[in-house]
Amino acid sequence: GPESGETLHTQFDDIDDYDNYSTT
């Protein structure tokens, strides 16, 4: 999942940051 401070998907820097990511 996202690390501390990565609240927006534009801040994600690795694959597993997208774990449990939801958007419309």
PDB file of all heavy atoms in Angstrom:
ATOM      1  N   GLY A   1       0.838  -1.187   0.000  1.00  0.00           N
ATOM      2  CA  GLY A   1       0.000   0.000   0.000  1.00  0.00           C
ATOM      3  C   GLY A   1       0.872   1.235   0.000  1.00  0.00           C
ATOM      4  O   GLY A   1       2.097   1.151   0.033  1.00  0.00           O
ATOM      5  N   PRO A   2       0.259   2.411  -0.029  1.00  0.00           N
ATOM      6  CA  PRO A   2       1.061   3.637  -0.073  1.00  0.00           C
ATOM      7  C   PRO A   2       1.835   3.866   1.218  1.00  0.00           C
ATOM      8  O   PRO A   2       1.377   3.505   2.302  1.00  0.00           O
ATOM      9  CB  PRO A   2       0.024   4.741  -0.300  1.00  0.00           C
ATOM     10  CG  PRO A   2      -1.297   4.143   0.019  1.00  0.00           C
ATOM     11  CD  PRO A   2      -1.175   2.666  -0.088  1.00  0.00           C
ATOM     12  N   GLU A   3       3.006   4.453   1.061  1.00  0.00           N
ATOM     13  CA  GLU A   3       3.813   4.792   2.223  1.00  0.00           C
ATOM     14  C   GLU A   3       3.294   6.096   2.824  1.00  0.00           C
ATOM     15  O   GLU A   3       2.470   6.790   2.229  1.00  0.00           O
ATOM     16  CB  GLU A   3       5.300   4.951   1.832  1.00  0.00           C
ATOM     17  CG  GLU A   3       6.001   3.648   1.522  1.00  0.00           C
ATOM     18  CD  GLU A   3       5.691   3.135   0.126  1.00  0.00           C
ATOM     19  OE1 GLU A   3       5.475   3.935  -0.805  1.00  0.00           O
ATOM     20  OE2 GLU A   3       5.633   1.901  -0.032  1.00  0.00           O
ATOM     21  N   SER A   4       3.796   6.431   3.974  1.00  0.00           N
ATOM     22  CA  SER A   4       3.407   7.652   4.667  1.00  0.00           C
ATOM     23  C   SER A   4       3.645   8.861   3.763  1.00  0.00           C
ATOM     24  O   SER A   4       4.696   8.996   3.148  1.00  0.00           O
ATOM     25  CB  SER A   4       4.224   7.789   5.954  1.00  0.00           C
ATOM     26  OG  SER A   4       3.916   8.994   6.588  1.00  0.00           O
ATOM     27  N   GLY A   5       2.653   9.728   3.652  1.00  0.00           N
ATOM     28  CA  GLY A   5       2.767  10.929   2.831  1.00  0.00           C
ATOM     29  C   GLY A   5       2.276  10.757   1.409  1.00  0.00           C
ATOM     30  O   GLY A   5       2.140  11.728   0.676  1.00  0.00           O
ATOM     31  N   GLU A   6       2.031   9.511   0.981  1.00  0.00           N
ATOM     32  CA  GLU A   6       1.526   9.264  -0.368  1.00  0.00           C
ATOM     33  C   GLU A   6       0.004   9.144  -0.309  1.00  0.00           C
ATOM     34  O   GLU A   6      -0.548   8.067  -0.153  1.00  0.00           O
ATOM     35  CB  GLU A   6       2.148   7.986  -0.952  1.00  0.00           C
ATOM     36  CG  GLU A   6       3.641   8.093  -1.147  1.00  0.00           C
ATOM     37  CD  GLU A   6       4.258   6.797  -1.654  1.00  0.00           C
ATOM     38  OE1 GLU A   6       3.638   5.721  -1.520  1.00  0.00           O
ATOM     39  OE2 GLU A   6       5.374   6.868  -2.176  1.00  0.00           O
ATOM     40  N   THR A   7      -0.656  10.280  -0.422  1.00  0.00           N
ATOM     41  CA  THR A   7      -2.115  10.289  -0.305  1.00  0.00           C
ATOM     42  C   THR A   7      -2.802  10.361  -1.659  1.00  0.00           C
ATOM     43  O   THR A   7      -3.934   9.931  -1.798  1.00  0.00           O
ATOM     44  CB  THR A   7      -2.580  11.482   0.556  1.00  0.00           C
ATOM     45  OG1 THR A   7      -2.044  12.684   0.000  1.00  0.00           O
ATOM     46  CG2 THR A   7      -2.099  11.322   1.991  1.00  0.00           C
ATOM     47  N   LEU A   8      -2.129  10.885  -2.671  1.00  0.00           N
ATOM     48  CA  LEU A   8      -2.675  10.974  -4.026  1.00  0.00           C
ATOM     49  C   LEU A   8      -1.957   9.994  -4.939  1.00  0.00           C
ATOM     50  O   LEU A   8      -0.768   9.732  -4.763  1.00  0.00           O
ATOM     51  CB  LEU A   8      -2.504  12.394  -4.577  1.00  0.00           C
ATOM     52  CG  LEU A   8      -3.112  13.521  -3.756  1.00  0.00           C
ATOM     53  CD1 LEU A   8      -2.695  14.867  -4.318  1.00  0.00           C
ATOM     54  CD2 LEU A   8      -4.632  13.386  -3.742  1.00  0.00           C
ATOM     55  N   HIS A   9      -2.668   9.480  -5.926  1.00  0.00           N
ATOM     56  CA  HIS A   9      -2.036   8.498  -6.816  1.00  0.00           C
ATOM     57  C   HIS A   9      -0.895   9.123  -7.613  1.00  0.00           C
ATOM     58  O   HIS A   9      -0.002   8.421  -8.073  1.00  0.00           O
ATOM     59  CB  HIS A   9      -3.060   7.824  -7.719  1.00  0.00           C
ATOM     60  CG  HIS A   9      -3.512   8.653  -8.871  1.00  0.00           C
ATOM     61  ND1 HIS A   9      -2.961   8.545 -10.113  1.00  0.00           N
ATOM     62  CD2 HIS A   9      -4.460   9.614  -8.955  1.00  0.00           C
ATOM     63  CE1 HIS A   9      -3.551   9.396 -10.928  1.00  0.00           C
ATOM     64  NE2 HIS A   9      -4.462  10.054 -10.239  1.00  0.00           N
ATOM     65  N   THR A  10      -0.884  10.426  -7.770  1.00  0.00           N
ATOM     66  CA  THR A  10       0.234  11.081  -8.462  1.00  0.00           C
ATOM     67  C   THR A  10       1.512  11.054  -7.628  1.00  0.00           C
ATOM     68  O   THR A  10       2.590  11.288  -8.151  1.00  0.00           O
ATOM     69  CB  THR A  10      -0.135  12.536  -8.802  1.00  0.00           C
ATOM     70  OG1 THR A  10      -0.538  13.205  -7.606  1.00  0.00           O
ATOM     71  CG2 THR A  10      -1.252  12.589  -9.822  1.00  0.00           C
ATOM     72  N   GLN A  11       1.388  10.739  -6.343  1.00  0.00           N
ATOM     73  CA  GLN A  11       2.554  10.636  -5.458  1.00  0.00           C
ATOM     74  C   GLN A  11       3.076   9.204  -5.355  1.00  0.00           C
ATOM     75  O   GLN A  11       4.138   8.977  -4.788  1.00  0.00           O
ATOM     76  CB  GLN A  11       2.188  11.138  -4.053  1.00  0.00           C
ATOM     77  CG  GLN A  11       1.770  12.593  -4.020  1.00  0.00           C
ATOM     78  CD  GLN A  11       1.176  12.977  -2.674  1.00  0.00           C
ATOM     79  OE1 GLN A  11       0.479  12.194  -2.045  1.00  0.00           O
ATOM     80  NE2 GLN A  11       1.450  14.203  -2.253  1.00  0.00           N
ATOM     81  N   PHE A  12       2.344   8.228  -5.894  1.00  0.00           N
ATOM     82  CA  PHE A  12       2.766   6.840  -5.807  1.00  0.00           C
ATOM     83  C   PHE A  12       4.046   6.647  -6.613  1.00  0.00           C
ATOM     84  O   PHE A  12       4.149   7.109  -7.751  1.00  0.00           O
ATOM     85  CB  PHE A  12       1.683   5.900  -6.329  1.00  0.00           C
ATOM     86  CG  PHE A  12       0.420   5.887  -5.503  1.00  0.00           C
ATOM     87  CD1 PHE A  12      -0.730   5.289  -6.011  1.00  0.00           C
ATOM     88  CD2 PHE A  12       0.347   6.450  -4.240  1.00  0.00           C
ATOM     89  CE1 PHE A  12      -1.903   5.246  -5.263  1.00  0.00           C
ATOM     90  CE2 PHE A  12      -0.810   6.420  -3.495  1.00  0.00           C
ATOM     91  CZ  PHE A  12      -1.940   5.814  -4.011  1.00  0.00           C
ATOM     92  N   ASP A  13       5.022   5.940  -6.024  1.00  0.00           N
ATOM     93  CA  ASP A  13       6.289   5.737  -6.712  1.00  0.00           C
ATOM     94  C   ASP A  13       6.632   4.265  -6.950  1.00  0.00           C
ATOM     95  O   ASP A  13       7.631   3.953  -7.575  1.00  0.00           O
ATOM     96  CB  ASP A  13       7.428   6.436  -5.968  1.00  0.00           C
ATOM     97  CG  ASP A  13       7.535   6.004  -4.509  1.00  0.00           C
ATOM     98  OD1 ASP A  13       6.760   5.129  -4.083  1.00  0.00           O
ATOM     99  OD2 ASP A  13       8.384   6.560  -3.796  1.00  0.00           O
ATOM    100  N   ASP A  14       5.808   3.358  -6.444  1.00  0.00           N
ATOM    101  CA  ASP A  14       6.039   1.936  -6.718  1.00  0.00           C
ATOM    102  C   ASP A  14       4.704   1.217  -6.868  1.00  0.00           C
ATOM    103  O   ASP A  14       3.652   1.750  -6.524  1.00  0.00           O
ATOM    104  CB  ASP A  14       6.918   1.290  -5.640  1.00  0.00           C
ATOM    105  CG  ASP A  14       6.270   1.274  -4.275  1.00  0.00           C
ATOM    106  OD1 ASP A  14       6.201   2.336  -3.627  1.00  0.00           O
ATOM    107  OD2 ASP A  14       5.822   0.194  -3.865  1.00  0.00           O
ATOM    108  N   ILE A  15       4.765   0.009  -7.383  1.00  0.00           N
ATOM    109  CA  ILE A  15       3.568  -0.747  -7.753  1.00  0.00           C
ATOM    110  C   ILE A  15       2.626  -0.966  -6.577  1.00  0.00           C
ATOM    111  O   ILE A  15       1.417  -0.746  -6.691  1.00  0.00           O
ATOM    112  CB  ILE A  15       3.974  -2.104  -8.379  1.00  0.00           C
ATOM    113  CG1 ILE A  15       4.650  -1.878  -9.721  1.00  0.00           C
ATOM    114  CG2 ILE A  15       2.774  -3.025  -8.537  1.00  0.00           C
ATOM    115  CD1 ILE A  15       5.299  -3.110 -10.304  1.00  0.00           C
ATOM    116  N   ASP A  16       3.156  -1.405  -5.444  1.00  0.00           N
ATOM    117  CA  ASP A  16       2.259  -1.786  -4.355  1.00  0.00           C
ATOM    118  C   ASP A  16       1.574  -0.595  -3.687  1.00  0.00           C
ATOM    119  O   ASP A  16       0.674  -0.777  -2.884  1.00  0.00           O
ATOM    120  CB  ASP A  16       2.970  -2.663  -3.319  1.00  0.00           C
ATOM    121  CG  ASP A  16       4.084  -1.952  -2.597  1.00  0.00           C
ATOM    122  OD1 ASP A  16       3.790  -1.097  -1.751  1.00  0.00           O
ATOM    123  OD2 ASP A  16       5.240  -2.266  -2.895  1.00  0.00           O
ATOM    124  N   ASP A  17       1.959   0.634  -4.049  1.00  0.00           N
ATOM    125  CA  ASP A  17       1.236   1.806  -3.534  1.00  0.00           C
ATOM    126  C   ASP A  17      -0.221   1.801  -4.008  1.00  0.00           C
ATOM    127  O   ASP A  17      -1.079   2.423  -3.399  1.00  0.00           O
ATOM    128  CB  ASP A  17       1.906   3.107  -3.989  1.00  0.00           C
ATOM    129  CG  ASP A  17       3.252   3.327  -3.328  1.00  0.00           C
ATOM    130  OD1 ASP A  17       3.554   2.638  -2.338  1.00  0.00           O
ATOM    131  OD2 ASP A  17       4.001   4.198  -3.804  1.00  0.00           O
ATOM    132  N   TYR A  18      -0.487   1.094  -5.096  1.00  0.00           N
ATOM    133  CA  TYR A  18      -1.833   1.025  -5.650  1.00  0.00           C
ATOM    134  C   TYR A  18      -2.714  -0.029  -4.973  1.00  0.00           C
ATOM    135  O   TYR A  18      -3.851  -0.222  -5.378  1.00  0.00           O
ATOM    136  CB  TYR A  18      -1.778   0.757  -7.157  1.00  0.00           C
ATOM    137  CG  TYR A  18      -1.312   1.956  -7.947  1.00  0.00           C
ATOM    138  CD1 TYR A  18       0.044   2.188  -8.163  1.00  0.00           C
ATOM    139  CD2 TYR A  18      -2.218   2.866  -8.465  1.00  0.00           C
ATOM    140  CE1 TYR A  18       0.473   3.285  -8.878  1.00  0.00           C
ATOM    141  CE2 TYR A  18      -1.795   3.966  -9.188  1.00  0.00           C
ATOM    142  CZ  TYR A  18      -0.450   4.167  -9.390  1.00  0.00           C
ATOM    143  OH  TYR A  18      -0.029   5.272 -10.090  1.00  0.00           O
ATOM    144  N   ASP A  19      -2.195  -0.707  -3.954  1.00  0.00           N
ATOM    145  CA  ASP A  19      -3.015  -1.690  -3.249  1.00  0.00           C
ATOM    146  C   ASP A  19      -4.164  -0.973  -2.537  1.00  0.00           C
ATOM    147  O   ASP A  19      -3.954  -0.011  -1.800  1.00  0.00           O
ATOM    148  CB  ASP A  19      -2.175  -2.473  -2.238  1.00  0.00           C
ATOM    149  CG  ASP A  19      -2.936  -3.647  -1.657  1.00  0.00           C
ATOM    150  OD1 ASP A  19      -3.681  -4.296  -2.410  1.00  0.00           O
ATOM    151  OD2 ASP A  19      -2.784  -3.903  -0.451  1.00  0.00           O
ATOM    152  N   ASN A  20      -5.382  -1.418  -2.799  1.00  0.00           N
ATOM    153  CA  ASN A  20      -6.620  -0.833  -2.253  1.00  0.00           C
ATOM    154  C   ASN A  20      -6.859   0.604  -2.712  1.00  0.00           C
ATOM    155  O   ASN A  20      -7.516   1.379  -2.021  1.00  0.00           O
ATOM    156  CB  ASN A  20      -6.657  -0.912  -0.726  1.00  0.00           C
ATOM    157  CG  ASN A  20      -6.833  -2.336  -0.265  1.00  0.00           C
ATOM    158  OD1 ASN A  20      -7.590  -3.100  -0.859  1.00  0.00           O
ATOM    159  ND2 ASN A  20      -6.126  -2.706   0.780  1.00  0.00           N
ATOM    160  N   TYR A  21      -6.375   0.952  -3.883  1.00  0.00           N
ATOM    161  CA  TYR A  21      -6.615   2.260  -4.472  1.00  0.00           C
ATOM    162  C   TYR A  21      -7.969   2.236  -5.178  1.00  0.00           C
ATOM    163  O   TYR A  21      -8.291   1.298  -5.905  1.00  0.00           O
ATOM    164  CB  TYR A  21      -5.499   2.604  -5.457  1.00  0.00           C
ATOM    165  CG  TYR A  21      -5.757   3.809  -6.324  1.00  0.00           C
ATOM    166  CD1 TYR A  21      -5.787   5.091  -5.780  1.00  0.00           C
ATOM    167  CD2 TYR A  21      -5.969   3.670  -7.690  1.00  0.00           C
ATOM    168  CE1 TYR A  21      -6.023   6.197  -6.578  1.00  0.00           C
ATOM    169  CE2 TYR A  21      -6.197   4.762  -8.492  1.00  0.00           C
ATOM    170  CZ  TYR A  21      -6.226   6.029  -7.935  1.00  0.00           C
ATOM    171  OH  TYR A  21      -6.470   7.123  -8.735  1.00  0.00           O
ATOM    172  N   SER A  22      -8.771   3.251  -4.957  1.00  0.00           N
ATOM    173  CA  SER A  22     -10.080   3.366  -5.609  1.00  0.00           C
ATOM    174  C   SER A  22     -10.234   4.758  -6.189  1.00  0.00           C
ATOM    175  O   SER A  22      -9.782   5.740  -5.592  1.00  0.00           O
ATOM    176  CB  SER A  22     -11.217   3.112  -4.620  1.00  0.00           C
ATOM    177  OG  SER A  22     -11.207   1.781  -4.180  1.00  0.00           O
ATOM    178  N   THR A  23     -10.868   4.834  -7.331  1.00  0.00           N
ATOM    179  CA  THR A  23     -11.158   6.114  -7.965  1.00  0.00           C
ATOM    180  C   THR A  23     -12.375   5.959  -8.865  1.00  0.00           C
ATOM    181  O   THR A  23     -12.824   4.848  -9.134  1.00  0.00           O
ATOM    182  CB  THR A  23      -9.940   6.624  -8.769  1.00  0.00           C
ATOM    183  OG1 THR A  23     -10.190   7.970  -9.191  1.00  0.00           O
ATOM    184  CG2 THR A  23      -9.657   5.756  -9.985  1.00  0.00           C
ATOM    185  N   THR A  24     -12.901   7.079  -9.298  1.00  0.00           N
ATOM    186  CA  THR A  24     -14.023   7.097 -10.237  1.00  0.00           C
ATOM    187  C   THR A  24     -13.613   7.947 -11.425  1.00  0.00           C
ATOM    188  O   THR A  24     -13.121   9.061 -11.258  1.00  0.00           O
ATOM    189  CB  THR A  24     -15.284   7.674  -9.582  1.00  0.00           C
ATOM    190  OG1 THR A  24     -15.634   6.851  -8.467  1.00  0.00           O
ATOM    191  CG2 THR A  24     -16.446   7.705 -10.552  1.00  0.00           C
TER     192      THR A  24
END
